[in-house]
């Protein structure tokens, strides 16, 4: 059994855990929580809440002359909820609330040892967002007040997510570093519609850092 505690992206707390049921079968769970409260001025107050969890099961097998290489393939599903509300005194309050489910399939390979591990995974991630309630602005300038409220909207899209994971340390306790990309594939316009800053490419890069412990 192994567990990872770290920070992802904008300091979102991320917990991952996996357990080997046998020499070739395993289960995994992970969760993420983020809360931010910003009050820059008396007339502006923002509250952001993000909560997500997923679970999966799969197959793994060691190979190679020294039995130090690993093939693994997992599949599973998850559920999340996000709300972001900005309160203004003199204009419509921008807000976004949504629930979402995802189904993923994730094959990968790794090189492992007592003190060093490096892995490459490629995840296909299908996401459906529902119960979307948000103001949609025709333009993104902050002074624009020409908006329409969208209620109970549903969107779906698929991403490919190549990821590299590095662990270095002792036999049980290791430092953890993970980086990768989010590549919108199916229904790209829906993805960029709910993640407008990704048009600037930087938010498409994932980054996590933390510690890993093997029990």
C-alpha atoms as a PDB file:
ATOM      1  CA  UNK A   1       0.000   0.000   0.000  1.00  0.00           C
ATOM      2  CA  UNK A   2       1.247   3.513  -0.789  1.00  0.00           C
ATOM      3  CA  UNK A   3      -0.091   7.008  -0.136  1.00  0.00           C
ATOM      4  CA  UNK A   4       0.829  10.418  -1.569  1.00  0.00           C
ATOM      5  CA  UNK A   5       0.027  13.811  -0.035  1.00  0.00           C
ATOM      6  CA  UNK A   6       0.840  16.898  -2.049  1.00  0.00           C
ATOM      7  CA  UNK A   7      -0.138  20.198  -3.614  1.00  0.00           C
ATOM      8  CA  UNK A   8      -1.435  20.529  -7.174  1.00  0.00           C
ATOM      9  CA  UNK A   9      -1.800  23.566  -9.406  1.00  0.00           C
ATOM     10  CA  UNK A  10      -2.995  26.580  -7.392  1.00  0.00           C
ATOM     11  CA  UNK A  11      -2.139  24.920  -4.040  1.00  0.00           C
ATOM     12  CA  UNK A  12      -5.015  22.426  -4.132  1.00  0.00           C
ATOM     13  CA  UNK A  13      -4.511  19.681  -1.537  1.00  0.00           C
ATOM     14  CA  UNK A  14      -4.220  16.315  -3.288  1.00  0.00           C
ATOM     15  CA  UNK A  15      -4.313  12.833  -1.708  1.00  0.00           C
ATOM     16  CA  UNK A  16      -3.602   9.623  -3.634  1.00  0.00           C
ATOM     17  CA  UNK A  17      -3.581   6.044  -2.325  1.00  0.00           C
ATOM     18  CA  UNK A  18      -3.194   2.609  -3.907  1.00  0.00           C
ATOM     19  CA  UNK A  19      -3.345  -0.961  -2.619  1.00  0.00           C
ATOM     20  CA  UNK A  20      -2.195  -4.216  -4.241  1.00  0.00           C
ATOM     21  CA  UNK A  21      -4.871  -6.888  -3.843  1.00  0.00           C
ATOM     22  CA  UNK A  22      -2.510  -9.498  -5.328  1.00  0.00           C
ATOM     23  CA  UNK A  23       0.680  -9.690  -7.405  1.00  0.00           C
ATOM     24  CA  UNK A  24      -1.203  -8.351 -10.439  1.00  0.00           C
ATOM     25  CA  UNK A  25      -4.394  -6.585  -9.280  1.00  0.00           C
ATOM     26  CA  UNK A  26      -4.701  -3.259  -7.514  1.00  0.00           C
ATOM     27  CA  UNK A  27      -7.137  -0.508  -6.528  1.00  0.00           C
ATOM     28  CA  UNK A  28      -6.577   3.232  -6.312  1.00  0.00           C
ATOM     29  CA  UNK A  29      -8.349   6.282  -4.904  1.00  0.00           C
ATOM     30  CA  UNK A  30      -7.514   9.953  -4.998  1.00  0.00           C
ATOM     31  CA  UNK A  31      -9.123  13.170  -3.906  1.00  0.00           C
ATOM     32  CA  UNK A  32      -8.595  16.904  -4.166  1.00  0.00           C
ATOM     33  CA  UNK A  33      -9.864  19.846  -2.104  1.00  0.00           C
ATOM     34  CA  UNK A  34      -9.260  23.557  -2.530  1.00  0.00           C
ATOM     35  CA  UNK A  35     -10.776  26.583  -0.785  1.00  0.00           C
ATOM     36  CA  UNK A  36      -9.896  30.216  -1.392  1.00  0.00           C
ATOM     37  CA  UNK A  37     -11.420  33.336   0.123  1.00  0.00           C
ATOM     38  CA  UNK A  38     -10.280  36.633  -1.370  1.00  0.00           C
ATOM     39  CA  UNK A  39     -11.365  40.049  -0.100  1.00  0.00           C
ATOM     40  CA  UNK A  40      -9.248  42.671  -1.875  1.00  0.00           C
ATOM     41  CA  UNK A  41     -11.652  45.537  -1.336  1.00  0.00           C
ATOM     42  CA  UNK A  42     -14.716  46.153   0.775  1.00  0.00           C
ATOM     43  CA  UNK A  43     -16.914  45.931  -2.342  1.00  0.00           C
ATOM     44  CA  UNK A  44     -15.401  42.695  -3.757  1.00  0.00           C
ATOM     45  CA  UNK A  45     -15.520  39.323  -2.041  1.00  0.00           C
ATOM     46  CA  UNK A  46     -14.708  35.974  -3.723  1.00  0.00           C
ATOM     47  CA  UNK A  47     -15.238  32.442  -2.390  1.00  0.00           C
ATOM     48  CA  UNK A  48     -13.971  29.431  -4.338  1.00  0.00           C
ATOM     49  CA  UNK A  49     -14.655  25.813  -3.344  1.00  0.00           C
ATOM     50  CA  UNK A  50     -13.423  22.746  -5.252  1.00  0.00           C
ATOM     51  CA  UNK A  51     -13.951  19.122  -4.174  1.00  0.00           C
ATOM     52  CA  UNK A  52     -13.255  16.017  -6.253  1.00  0.00           C
ATOM     53  CA  UNK A  53     -12.702  12.285  -5.708  1.00  0.00           C
ATOM     54  CA  UNK A  54     -12.242   9.227  -7.914  1.00  0.00           C
ATOM     55  CA  UNK A  55     -11.601   5.501  -7.619  1.00  0.00           C
ATOM     56  CA  UNK A  56     -10.332   2.823  -9.964  1.00  0.00           C
ATOM     57  CA  UNK A  57      -9.020  -0.706 -10.338  1.00  0.00           C
ATOM     58  CA  UNK A  58      -6.543  -2.312 -12.671  1.00  0.00           C
ATOM     59  CA  UNK A  59      -3.772  -4.702 -13.587  1.00  0.00           C
ATOM     60  CA  UNK A  60      -0.008  -4.410 -13.091  1.00  0.00           C
ATOM     61  CA  UNK A  61       2.951  -6.693 -13.822  1.00  0.00           C
ATOM     62  CA  UNK A  62       6.728  -6.470 -13.417  1.00  0.00           C
ATOM     63  CA  UNK A  63       9.013  -7.316 -16.338  1.00  0.00           C
ATOM     64  CA  UNK A  64      12.636  -6.974 -17.490  1.00  0.00           C
ATOM     65  CA  UNK A  65      15.858  -8.871 -16.716  1.00  0.00           C
ATOM     66  CA  UNK A  66      16.054  -7.413 -13.217  1.00  0.00           C
ATOM     67  CA  UNK A  67      12.293  -7.375 -12.730  1.00  0.00           C
ATOM     68  CA  UNK A  68      12.544  -3.617 -12.132  1.00  0.00           C
ATOM     69  CA  UNK A  69      10.128  -2.431 -14.815  1.00  0.00           C
ATOM     70  CA  UNK A  70       6.384  -2.179 -14.338  1.00  0.00           C
ATOM     71  CA  UNK A  71       3.415  -2.141 -16.696  1.00  0.00           C
ATOM     72  CA  UNK A  72       0.123  -0.947 -15.256  1.00  0.00           C
ATOM     73  CA  UNK A  73      -3.326  -0.165 -16.580  1.00  0.00           C
ATOM     74  CA  UNK A  74      -6.170   1.300 -14.518  1.00  0.00           C
ATOM     75  CA  UNK A  75      -9.710   2.400 -15.205  1.00  0.00           C
ATOM     76  CA  UNK A  76     -12.305   4.089 -13.038  1.00  0.00           C
ATOM     77  CA  UNK A  77     -14.606   7.020 -12.444  1.00  0.00           C
ATOM     78  CA  UNK A  78     -14.942  10.118 -10.266  1.00  0.00           C
ATOM     79  CA  UNK A  79     -17.247  12.899  -9.109  1.00  0.00           C
ATOM     80  CA  UNK A  80     -16.636  16.545  -8.254  1.00  0.00           C
ATOM     81  CA  UNK A  81     -18.323  19.810  -7.333  1.00  0.00           C
ATOM     82  CA  UNK A  82     -17.097  23.389  -7.836  1.00  0.00           C
ATOM     83  CA  UNK A  83     -18.537  26.758  -6.867  1.00  0.00           C
ATOM     84  CA  UNK A  84     -17.030  30.202  -7.363  1.00  0.00           C
ATOM     85  CA  UNK A  85     -18.907  33.356  -6.325  1.00  0.00           C
ATOM     86  CA  UNK A  86     -17.757  36.984  -6.534  1.00  0.00           C
ATOM     87  CA  UNK A  87     -19.917  39.518  -4.721  1.00  0.00           C
ATOM     88  CA  UNK A  88     -20.088  43.069  -6.080  1.00  0.00           C
ATOM     89  CA  UNK A  89     -22.175  45.935  -4.729  1.00  0.00           C
ATOM     90  CA  UNK A  90     -22.874  47.701  -8.035  1.00  0.00           C
ATOM     91  CA  UNK A  91     -23.025  45.041 -10.817  1.00  0.00           C
ATOM     92  CA  UNK A  92     -24.174  41.434 -11.483  1.00  0.00           C
ATOM     93  CA  UNK A  93     -22.338  38.919  -9.333  1.00  0.00           C
ATOM     94  CA  UNK A  94     -20.213  36.615 -11.535  1.00  0.00           C
ATOM     95  CA  UNK A  95     -20.704  33.081 -10.311  1.00  0.00           C
ATOM     96  CA  UNK A  96     -20.171  29.545 -11.504  1.00  0.00           C
ATOM     97  CA  UNK A  97     -21.490  26.338  -9.960  1.00  0.00           C
ATOM     98  CA  UNK A  98     -21.161  22.901 -11.537  1.00  0.00           C
ATOM     99  CA  UNK A  99     -21.044  19.204 -10.817  1.00  0.00           C
ATOM    100  CA  UNK A 100     -19.052  16.796 -12.954  1.00  0.00           C
ATOM    101  CA  UNK A 101     -18.354  13.100 -13.429  1.00  0.00           C
ATOM    102  CA  UNK A 102     -15.455  11.527 -15.257  1.00  0.00           C
ATOM    103  CA  UNK A 103     -14.536   8.105 -16.646  1.00  0.00           C
ATOM    104  CA  UNK A 104     -10.863   7.364 -17.246  1.00  0.00           C
ATOM    105  CA  UNK A 105      -8.613   4.718 -18.781  1.00  0.00           C
ATOM    106  CA  UNK A 106      -4.917   4.961 -17.884  1.00  0.00           C
ATOM    107  CA  UNK A 107      -2.093   2.682 -19.111  1.00  0.00           C
ATOM    108  CA  UNK A 108       1.495   3.361 -18.059  1.00  0.00           C
ATOM    109  CA  UNK A 109       5.038   2.031 -17.629  1.00  0.00           C
ATOM    110  CA  UNK A 110       7.563   2.608 -14.841  1.00  0.00           C
ATOM    111  CA  UNK A 111      11.120   1.877 -13.758  1.00  0.00           C
ATOM    112  CA  UNK A 112      11.263   1.140 -10.034  1.00  0.00           C
ATOM    113  CA  UNK A 113      13.870   0.599  -7.308  1.00  0.00           C
ATOM    114  CA  UNK A 114      14.067   1.019  -3.532  1.00  0.00           C
ATOM    115  CA  UNK A 115      15.175   4.666  -3.786  1.00  0.00           C
ATOM    116  CA  UNK A 116      14.088   5.832  -7.234  1.00  0.00           C
ATOM    117  CA  UNK A 117      10.974   5.533  -9.389  1.00  0.00           C
ATOM    118  CA  UNK A 118      10.032   7.156 -12.684  1.00  0.00           C
ATOM    119  CA  UNK A 119       6.753   6.501 -14.477  1.00  0.00           C
ATOM    120  CA  UNK A 120       4.990   7.604 -17.650  1.00  0.00           C
ATOM    121  CA  UNK A 121       1.188   7.370 -17.862  1.00  0.00           C
ATOM    122  CA  UNK A 122      -1.250   8.342 -20.587  1.00  0.00           C
ATOM    123  CA  UNK A 123      -4.803   8.958 -19.377  1.00  0.00           C
ATOM    124  CA  UNK A 124      -7.879   9.234 -21.576  1.00  0.00           C
ATOM    125  CA  UNK A 125     -10.377  11.214 -19.495  1.00  0.00           C
ATOM    126  CA  UNK A 126     -14.047  11.679 -20.457  1.00  0.00           C
ATOM    127  CA  UNK A 127     -15.790  14.412 -18.457  1.00  0.00           C
ATOM    128  CA  UNK A 128     -19.424  15.459 -18.268  1.00  0.00           C
ATOM    129  CA  UNK A 129     -20.335  18.670 -16.463  1.00  0.00           C
ATOM    130  CA  UNK A 130     -23.948  19.163 -15.407  1.00  0.00           C
ATOM    131  CA  UNK A 131     -26.079  21.468 -13.266  1.00  0.00           C
ATOM    132  CA  UNK A 132     -23.959  24.342 -14.581  1.00  0.00           C
ATOM    133  CA  UNK A 133     -25.312  27.658 -13.325  1.00  0.00           C
ATOM    134  CA  UNK A 134     -23.254  30.674 -14.359  1.00  0.00           C
ATOM    135  CA  UNK A 135     -23.225  34.112 -15.872  1.00  0.00           C
ATOM    136  CA  UNK A 136     -21.873  34.029 -19.429  1.00  0.00           C
ATOM    137  CA  UNK A 137     -20.391  37.310 -20.614  1.00  0.00           C
ATOM    138  CA  UNK A 138     -20.263  38.149 -24.323  1.00  0.00           C
ATOM    139  CA  UNK A 139     -16.809  39.667 -23.738  1.00  0.00           C
ATOM    140  CA  UNK A 140     -14.289  38.912 -21.005  1.00  0.00           C
ATOM    141  CA  UNK A 141     -13.361  42.491 -20.079  1.00  0.00           C
ATOM    142  CA  UNK A 142     -14.009  43.079 -16.411  1.00  0.00           C
ATOM    143  CA  UNK A 143     -16.057  46.200 -17.076  1.00  0.00           C
ATOM    144  CA  UNK A 144     -18.525  44.417 -19.360  1.00  0.00           C
ATOM    145  CA  UNK A 145     -21.990  43.975 -17.804  1.00  0.00           C
ATOM    146  CA  UNK A 146     -23.741  42.491 -20.865  1.00  0.00           C
ATOM    147  CA  UNK A 147     -24.423  39.047 -19.436  1.00  0.00           C
ATOM    148  CA  UNK A 148     -26.972  36.233 -19.565  1.00  0.00           C
ATOM    149  CA  UNK A 149     -27.526  33.672 -16.811  1.00  0.00           C
ATOM    150  CA  UNK A 150     -27.232  30.037 -17.932  1.00  0.00           C
ATOM    151  CA  UNK A 151     -29.036  27.485 -15.793  1.00  0.00           C
ATOM    152  CA  UNK A 152     -28.753  23.669 -15.767  1.00  0.00           C
ATOM    153  CA  UNK A 153     -26.410  23.574 -18.755  1.00  0.00           C
ATOM    154  CA  UNK A 154     -24.638  20.278 -19.592  1.00  0.00           C
ATOM    155  CA  UNK A 155     -21.270  19.927 -21.345  1.00  0.00           C
ATOM    156  CA  UNK A 156     -19.073  16.946 -22.182  1.00  0.00           C
ATOM    157  CA  UNK A 157     -15.544  16.618 -23.554  1.00  0.00           C
ATOM    158  CA  UNK A 158     -12.524  14.300 -23.583  1.00  0.00           C
ATOM    159  CA  UNK A 159      -8.886  15.034 -22.724  1.00  0.00           C
ATOM    160  CA  UNK A 160      -5.653  13.128 -23.217  1.00  0.00           C
ATOM    161  CA  UNK A 161      -3.304  13.621 -20.260  1.00  0.00           C
ATOM    162  CA  UNK A 162       0.317  12.412 -20.583  1.00  0.00           C
ATOM    163  CA  UNK A 163       2.049  12.521 -17.183  1.00  0.00           C
ATOM    164  CA  UNK A 164       5.565  11.897 -15.851  1.00  0.00           C
ATOM    165  CA  UNK A 165       5.971  10.986 -12.163  1.00  0.00           C
ATOM    166  CA  UNK A 166       9.287  10.999 -10.275  1.00  0.00           C
ATOM    167  CA  UNK A 167       9.909   9.666  -6.748  1.00  0.00           C
ATOM    168  CA  UNK A 168      13.287   9.889  -4.987  1.00  0.00           C
ATOM    169  CA  UNK A 169      14.220   9.041  -1.389  1.00  0.00           C
ATOM    170  CA  UNK A 170      14.356   6.099   1.004  1.00  0.00           C
ATOM    171  CA  UNK A 171      12.799   2.664   0.705  1.00  0.00           C
ATOM    172  CA  UNK A 172       9.491   3.809   2.206  1.00  0.00           C
ATOM    173  CA  UNK A 173       9.492   7.633   2.235  1.00  0.00           C
ATOM    174  CA  UNK A 174      10.143   9.493  -1.019  1.00  0.00           C
ATOM    175  CA  UNK A 175       9.771  12.969  -2.400  1.00  0.00           C
ATOM    176  CA  UNK A 176       7.146  13.153  -5.119  1.00  0.00           C
ATOM    177  CA  UNK A 177       7.125  15.274  -8.300  1.00  0.00           C
ATOM    178  CA  UNK A 178       4.581  14.991 -11.101  1.00  0.00           C
ATOM    179  CA  UNK A 179       4.123  17.033 -14.253  1.00  0.00           C
ATOM    180  CA  UNK A 180       2.090  16.599 -17.411  1.00  0.00           C
ATOM    181  CA  UNK A 181      -0.206  18.111 -20.018  1.00  0.00           C
ATOM    182  CA  UNK A 182      -3.943  18.363 -20.553  1.00  0.00           C
ATOM    183  CA  UNK A 183      -4.707  17.980 -24.272  1.00  0.00           C
ATOM    184  CA  UNK A 184      -8.375  18.618 -25.193  1.00  0.00           C
ATOM    185  CA  UNK A 185      -9.432  16.259 -27.998  1.00  0.00           C
ATOM    186  CA  UNK A 186     -13.194  15.586 -28.308  1.00  0.00           C
ATOM    187  CA  UNK A 187     -15.468  18.666 -28.021  1.00  0.00           C
ATOM    188  CA  UNK A 188     -12.525  21.023 -27.543  1.00  0.00           C
ATOM    189  CA  UNK A 189     -14.801  24.074 -27.626  1.00  0.00           C
ATOM    190  CA  UNK A 190     -16.689  22.804 -24.547  1.00  0.00           C
ATOM    191  CA  UNK A 191     -13.423  22.410 -22.614  1.00  0.00           C
ATOM    192  CA  UNK A 192     -12.178  25.899 -23.476  1.00  0.00           C
ATOM    193  CA  UNK A 193     -15.645  27.298 -22.776  1.00  0.00           C
ATOM    194  CA  UNK A 194     -15.356  26.329 -19.102  1.00  0.00           C
ATOM    195  CA  UNK A 195     -11.586  26.895 -18.869  1.00  0.00           C
ATOM    196  CA  UNK A 196     -11.067  30.126 -20.772  1.00  0.00           C
ATOM    197  CA  UNK A 197      -7.598  30.819 -19.324  1.00  0.00           C
ATOM    198  CA  UNK A 198      -6.360  27.587 -20.968  1.00  0.00           C
ATOM    199  CA  UNK A 199      -6.321  29.508 -24.237  1.00  0.00           C
ATOM    200  CA  UNK A 200      -3.060  30.961 -22.897  1.00  0.00           C
ATOM    201  CA  UNK A 201      -1.617  27.390 -22.728  1.00  0.00           C
ATOM    202  CA  UNK A 202      -0.017  27.617 -19.249  1.00  0.00           C
ATOM    203  CA  UNK A 203      -3.088  26.164 -17.427  1.00  0.00           C
ATOM    204  CA  UNK A 204      -2.793  23.121 -19.719  1.00  0.00           C
ATOM    205  CA  UNK A 205       0.394  22.189 -17.826  1.00  0.00           C
ATOM    206  CA  UNK A 206      -0.170  20.129 -14.645  1.00  0.00           C
ATOM    207  CA  UNK A 207       2.226  20.178 -11.710  1.00  0.00           C
ATOM    208  CA  UNK A 208       2.169  18.438  -8.315  1.00  0.00           C
ATOM    209  CA  UNK A 209       4.720  18.143  -5.519  1.00  0.00           C
ATOM    210  CA  UNK A 210       4.570  16.242  -2.215  1.00  0.00           C
ATOM    211  CA  UNK A 211       5.665  13.138  -0.315  1.00  0.00           C
ATOM    212  CA  UNK A 212       4.997   9.433  -0.888  1.00  0.00           C
ATOM    213  CA  UNK A 213       5.006   6.690   1.752  1.00  0.00           C
ATOM    214  CA  UNK A 214       4.842   2.918   1.161  1.00  0.00           C
ATOM    215  CA  UNK A 215       3.374   0.824   3.979  1.00  0.00           C
END
